[in-house]
Protein backbone atom coordinates (compact mmCIF):
# COMPACT_ATOMS: atom_id res chain seq x y z
CA UNK A 1 -62.10 17.88 -98.34
CA UNK A 2 -64.27 18.72 -95.38
CA UNK A 3 -68.04 19.23 -95.44
CA UNK A 4 -68.93 22.16 -93.05
CA UNK A 5 -72.43 23.04 -93.74
CA UNK A 6 -76.02 21.58 -94.35
CA UNK A 7 -75.62 18.23 -92.62
CA UNK A 8 -78.55 17.45 -90.33
CA UNK A 9 -78.82 13.68 -90.47
CA UNK A 10 -76.25 10.96 -89.96
CA UNK A 11 -77.03 9.33 -93.18
CA UNK A 12 -75.88 12.58 -94.97
CA UNK A 13 -72.61 12.20 -93.24
CA UNK A 14 -72.28 8.51 -94.21
CA UNK A 15 -72.93 9.65 -97.91
CA UNK A 16 -70.39 12.56 -97.72
CA UNK A 17 -67.74 10.01 -96.68
CA UNK A 18 -68.87 7.48 -99.18
CA UNK A 19 -68.28 10.31 -101.90
CA UNK A 20 -64.69 10.66 -100.75
CA UNK A 21 -64.88 13.47 -98.33
CA UNK A 22 -62.21 13.40 -95.53
CA UNK A 23 -64.42 14.60 -92.74
CA UNK A 24 -67.55 16.37 -91.78
CA UNK A 25 -68.34 19.11 -89.12
CA UNK A 26 -71.82 18.54 -87.35
CA UNK A 27 -71.95 20.96 -84.51
CA UNK A 28 -75.37 22.30 -85.07
CA UNK A 29 -76.82 19.06 -86.05
CA UNK A 30 -75.74 17.53 -82.71
CA UNK A 31 -76.35 20.61 -80.55
CA UNK A 32 -80.00 21.08 -81.77
CA UNK A 33 -81.01 17.45 -81.51
CA UNK A 34 -83.42 16.27 -79.10
CA UNK A 35 -80.63 14.08 -77.38
CA UNK A 36 -77.30 15.53 -78.35
CA UNK A 37 -74.99 12.64 -76.83
CA UNK A 38 -77.01 10.10 -78.74
CA UNK A 39 -77.10 12.25 -81.97
CA UNK A 40 -73.21 12.50 -81.59
CA UNK A 41 -72.82 8.72 -81.31
CA UNK A 42 -75.05 8.30 -84.27
CA UNK A 43 -72.95 10.57 -86.32
CA UNK A 44 -69.86 8.82 -85.30
CA UNK A 45 -71.35 5.41 -86.40
CA UNK A 46 -72.28 6.88 -89.64
CA UNK A 47 -68.97 8.47 -90.27
CA UNK A 48 -67.36 5.12 -89.56
CA UNK A 49 -69.89 3.19 -91.78
CA UNK A 50 -69.33 5.75 -94.71
CA UNK A 51 -65.48 5.59 -94.47
CA UNK A 52 -65.49 1.70 -94.27
CA UNK A 53 -67.86 1.42 -97.27
CA UNK A 54 -65.46 3.74 -99.31
CA UNK A 55 -62.59 1.69 -98.37
CA UNK A 56 -64.21 -1.56 -99.23
CA UNK A 57 -64.93 -0.27 -102.86
CA UNK A 58 -68.38 0.76 -103.71
CA UNK A 59 -69.81 -0.82 -107.00
CA UNK A 60 -69.62 1.46 -109.73
CA UNK A 61 -72.47 3.75 -110.85
CA UNK A 62 -73.79 3.00 -114.17
CA UNK A 63 -75.87 5.06 -116.92
CA UNK A 64 -78.25 2.12 -117.46
CA UNK A 65 -79.80 -0.75 -115.54
CA UNK A 66 -77.74 -4.09 -115.33
CA UNK A 67 -78.54 -7.37 -113.94
CA UNK A 68 -77.25 -7.52 -110.42
CA UNK A 69 -77.60 -10.98 -108.89
CA UNK A 70 -74.26 -12.49 -109.28
CA UNK A 71 -75.00 -15.70 -107.27
CA UNK A 72 -77.93 -16.72 -109.51
CA UNK A 73 -75.99 -19.34 -111.41
CA UNK A 74 -74.18 -20.47 -108.17
CA UNK A 75 -77.58 -20.89 -106.49
CA UNK A 76 -78.95 -23.17 -109.49
CA UNK A 77 -75.78 -25.31 -109.23
CA UNK A 78 -73.43 -23.48 -111.70
CA UNK A 79 -70.21 -21.59 -111.15
CA UNK A 80 -70.20 -18.15 -109.51
CA UNK A 81 -70.43 -15.39 -112.06
């Protein structure tokens, strides 16, 4: 799947890749930026980060809050949870 419209910030490109998109097209976002070469570099970094996060395995989204400090016992001298 390729996202081809509506992206204006590198963070949005990263989010698209995290969600499983294969690619993003960002011509206008780069062309209309104050510094197009710098914006192109920022998008490249964001896409790489989003793809890396997806491949690394994002933690699941839950329907309710859960404790999220797995090292608490370890830091208090116990085993890692």
